[in-house]
Amino acid sequence: MKRFTLRFAITLLGFIIGVSAVTVWLLAHQEEPPCRSCAQVYSLASPELETISFSDLVANPENFKGRIVRVRGNLNNDAGYKSLYAPAPKDEGMHLMAEFNDRSSYSACDGVRKALRDIAGIGHWKKDGSAGVVVVGRLGELDHFWRGKFGFEILCVEQAYPLVRRCPKPSPHLTTACTRPRIAPLSSARRRA
């Protein structure tokens, strides 16, 4: 009987570890930009998709109004109202009202839509939150929730990742708790679509 219990426990543990590993891999897997889902958005950018800093976007909105650009920032979802805010502490306080060009079916690279739902609650009516994002969009007048207000219209979400607020002191038990996930660099080769 003891042998059977030990074998059963080892088999069950292996199964749980296997299922956990597959789940983590599926949650973490995101298509690298440029992606197929955003191809139509990339074709609208003329002549190439420009990557700009969030602080430049907020400081000089007249330079970017109506132009399709790529921006890295933090997306906040609060009861369906969305805003982009500064990813760097030095730019704290900078934010823009934001919304998707189509609330029900926005463009996103593979895996990103699920990451946004899990991290920031986008598409889930019971959850609010924030996620670090790389988005493609344009400044202009918004529709839907922010009707008539000036803000950032998100045309495509290329990447989404959890935000790391504060890290505890380094500990051998917390080596990965505060590491940021790998984010694809926005090289000049990827800017062209």
Protein backbone atom coordinates (compact mmCIF):
# COMPACT_ATOMS: atom_id res chain seq x y z
CA MET A 1 0.00 0.00 0.00
CA LYS A 2 2.85 2.39 0.82
CA ARG A 3 4.39 1.75 -2.59
CA PHE A 4 1.13 2.53 -4.34
CA THR A 5 0.69 5.77 -2.36
CA LEU A 6 4.26 6.85 -3.15
CA ARG A 7 3.84 6.11 -6.87
CA PHE A 8 0.51 7.90 -6.94
CA ALA A 9 1.98 10.94 -5.15
CA ILE A 10 4.94 11.11 -7.56
CA THR A 11 2.65 10.77 -10.59
CA LEU A 12 0.29 13.45 -9.27
CA LEU A 13 3.19 15.80 -8.52
CA GLY A 14 4.58 15.30 -12.05
CA PHE A 15 1.17 16.00 -13.55
CA ILE A 16 0.73 19.20 -11.51
CA ILE A 17 4.21 20.44 -12.43
CA GLY A 18 3.56 19.68 -16.12
CA VAL A 19 0.21 21.49 -16.18
CA SER A 20 1.72 24.46 -14.32
CA ALA A 21 4.63 24.72 -16.74
CA VAL A 22 2.34 24.64 -19.79
CA THR A 23 0.05 27.27 -18.23
CA VAL A 24 2.95 29.61 -17.46
CA TRP A 25 4.33 29.18 -20.97
CA LEU A 26 0.96 29.94 -22.58
CA LEU A 27 0.46 33.04 -20.41
CA ALA A 28 3.94 34.33 -21.13
CA HIS A 29 3.91 33.65 -24.88
CA GLN A 30 3.35 36.80 -26.91
CA GLU A 31 4.02 37.37 -30.58
CA GLU A 32 6.95 39.70 -31.24
CA PRO A 33 6.09 42.95 -33.05
CA PRO A 34 5.57 43.65 -35.88
CA CYS A 35 2.68 41.19 -35.77
CA ARG A 36 0.10 39.93 -38.23
CA SER A 37 -2.89 41.32 -36.33
CA CYS A 38 -1.55 44.86 -36.50
CA ALA A 39 -0.52 44.76 -40.19
CA GLN A 40 -3.38 47.02 -41.26
CA VAL A 41 -2.41 49.61 -38.63
CA TYR A 42 1.23 49.51 -39.75
CA SER A 43 0.15 50.15 -43.35
CA LEU A 44 -1.63 53.36 -42.24
CA ALA A 45 1.60 54.82 -40.81
CA SER A 46 3.43 56.90 -43.37
CA PRO A 47 6.18 56.33 -44.41
CA GLU A 48 7.40 54.36 -41.40
CA LEU A 49 6.09 53.84 -37.89
CA GLU A 50 7.88 56.23 -35.53
CA THR A 51 8.62 55.22 -31.94
CA ILE A 52 8.43 58.14 -29.53
CA SER A 53 8.78 58.51 -25.79
CA PHE A 54 5.70 59.04 -23.68
CA SER A 55 7.13 62.29 -22.28
CA ASP A 56 7.57 63.68 -25.84
CA LEU A 57 3.99 62.73 -26.67
CA VAL A 58 2.58 64.55 -23.64
CA ALA A 59 4.93 67.55 -23.84
CA ASN A 60 4.40 68.20 -27.57
CA PRO A 61 0.94 66.95 -28.53
CA GLU A 62 0.71 69.36 -31.48
CA ASN A 63 3.65 67.57 -33.15
CA PHE A 64 1.91 64.21 -33.05
CA LYS A 65 -1.80 65.00 -33.47
CA GLY A 66 -3.29 62.62 -36.04
CA ARG A 67 0.02 60.80 -36.69
CA ILE A 68 0.26 57.09 -36.01
CA VAL A 69 3.08 56.44 -33.55
CA ARG A 70 4.38 53.70 -31.25
CA VAL A 71 4.61 54.50 -27.53
CA ARG A 72 5.69 52.57 -24.43
CA GLY A 73 3.67 53.46 -21.36
CA ASN A 74 1.42 52.13 -18.64
CA LEU A 75 -2.24 51.49 -19.38
CA ASN A 76 -4.67 51.93 -16.51
CA ASN A 77 -8.14 50.39 -16.62
CA ASP A 78 -10.58 51.79 -14.07
CA ALA A 79 -14.19 50.65 -14.53
CA GLY A 80 -13.72 50.70 -18.29
CA TYR A 81 -12.14 54.15 -18.37
CA LYS A 82 -8.62 53.86 -19.71
CA SER A 83 -5.63 56.16 -19.49
CA LEU A 84 -1.98 55.99 -20.45
CA TYR A 85 0.54 57.25 -17.95
CA ALA A 86 4.28 57.68 -17.75
CA PRO A 87 6.38 54.53 -17.36
CA ALA A 88 9.35 56.36 -15.81
CA PRO A 89 9.36 57.80 -12.27
CA LYS A 90 10.96 61.01 -13.58
CA ASP A 91 7.83 61.64 -15.68
CA GLU A 92 5.39 60.80 -12.89
CA GLY A 93 2.10 62.63 -13.18
CA MET A 94 2.07 62.65 -17.00
CA HIS A 95 -1.02 60.94 -18.36
CA LEU A 96 -3.43 60.91 -21.29
CA MET A 97 -6.99 59.73 -21.60
CA ALA A 98 -7.01 56.65 -23.83
CA GLU A 99 -9.37 54.25 -25.49
CA PHE A 100 -9.36 51.53 -28.10
CA ASN A 101 -10.52 52.43 -31.59
CA ASP A 102 -13.07 49.60 -31.35
CA ARG A 103 -14.03 48.67 -27.80
CA SER A 104 -15.08 45.12 -28.57
CA SER A 105 -12.41 44.06 -31.04
CA TYR A 106 -9.11 45.93 -30.89
CA SER A 107 -5.99 44.75 -32.74
CA ALA A 108 -3.38 43.01 -30.62
CA CYS A 109 -0.44 40.70 -31.21
CA ASP A 110 -0.98 37.03 -30.34
CA GLY A 111 -1.12 36.49 -26.58
CA VAL A 112 -1.44 40.18 -25.74
CA ARG A 113 -5.24 40.29 -25.46
CA LYS A 114 -5.16 37.51 -22.83
CA ALA A 115 -2.29 39.23 -20.99
CA LEU A 116 -4.26 42.50 -20.87
CA ARG A 117 -7.31 40.70 -19.51
CA ASP A 118 -5.29 38.88 -16.86
CA ILE A 119 -3.09 41.81 -15.82
CA ALA A 120 -5.28 44.90 -16.20
CA GLY A 121 -8.78 43.44 -16.44
CA ILE A 122 -9.43 44.74 -19.94
CA GLY A 123 -12.37 42.81 -21.34
CA HIS A 124 -13.26 41.54 -17.87
CA TRP A 125 -16.01 43.51 -16.18
CA LYS A 126 -15.06 42.64 -12.58
CA LYS A 127 -11.39 43.59 -12.59
CA ASP A 128 -9.47 46.86 -12.77
CA GLY A 129 -5.72 47.26 -12.96
CA SER A 130 -2.68 48.52 -14.82
CA ALA A 131 -0.24 46.97 -17.26
CA GLY A 132 2.92 48.10 -18.98
CA VAL A 133 2.23 48.26 -22.72
CA VAL A 134 3.70 49.05 -26.10
CA VAL A 135 0.88 50.53 -28.18
CA VAL A 136 0.42 51.95 -31.65
CA GLY A 137 -2.09 54.76 -32.00
CA ARG A 138 -2.69 58.46 -32.56
CA LEU A 139 -3.55 61.59 -30.63
CA GLY A 140 -6.87 63.22 -31.38
CA GLU A 141 -10.48 63.56 -30.33
CA LEU A 142 -11.84 60.42 -28.67
CA ASP A 143 -15.21 58.66 -28.93
CA HIS A 144 -16.98 56.25 -26.56
CA PHE A 145 -16.28 57.01 -22.86
CA TRP A 146 -14.15 60.12 -23.41
CA ARG A 147 -16.35 61.51 -26.24
CA GLY A 148 -15.05 64.87 -27.44
CA LYS A 149 -11.97 64.83 -25.18
CA PHE A 150 -8.41 64.97 -26.50
CA GLY A 151 -6.46 61.76 -25.88
CA PHE A 152 -4.69 58.74 -27.33
CA GLU A 153 -6.64 56.35 -29.56
CA ILE A 154 -5.10 52.88 -29.29
CA LEU A 155 -5.14 51.13 -32.65
CA CYS A 156 -2.98 48.13 -31.74
CA VAL A 157 -1.41 46.69 -28.60
CA GLU A 158 1.95 45.09 -29.38
CA GLN A 159 3.04 44.05 -25.88
CA ALA A 160 1.61 43.86 -22.38
CA TYR A 161 3.48 43.00 -19.21
CA PRO A 162 2.88 43.23 -15.46
CA LEU A 163 4.10 46.30 -13.65
CA VAL A 164 6.57 45.85 -10.84
CA ARG A 165 5.89 48.40 -8.15
CA ARG A 166 8.46 48.03 -5.40
CA CYS A 167 10.96 45.28 -4.94
CA PRO A 168 11.87 44.01 -1.51
CA LYS A 169 15.49 43.72 -0.53
CA PRO A 170 17.26 41.03 -2.56
CA SER A 171 16.67 37.57 -1.19
CA PRO A 172 17.63 34.14 -2.49
CA HIS A 173 13.93 33.20 -2.22
CA LEU A 174 12.74 36.20 -4.25
CA THR A 175 15.19 36.22 -7.13
CA THR A 176 12.47 36.39 -9.80
CA ALA A 177 9.75 38.25 -7.90
CA CYS A 178 10.84 41.67 -9.09
CA THR A 179 12.44 40.98 -12.42
CA ARG A 180 10.74 42.56 -15.38
CA PRO A 181 9.73 40.22 -18.20
CA ARG A 182 11.73 40.32 -21.41
CA ILE A 183 10.44 43.13 -23.60
CA ALA A 184 11.34 43.13 -27.25
CA PRO A 185 13.53 46.11 -28.15
CA LEU A 186 11.95 48.58 -30.52
CA SER A 187 14.75 48.59 -33.04
CA SER A 188 14.67 50.61 -36.26
CA ALA A 189 14.17 47.38 -38.23
CA ARG A 190 10.94 46.71 -36.35
CA ARG A 191 9.68 50.25 -36.75
CA ARG A 192 9.18 49.66 -40.44
CA ALA A 193 6.17 47.54 -41.18
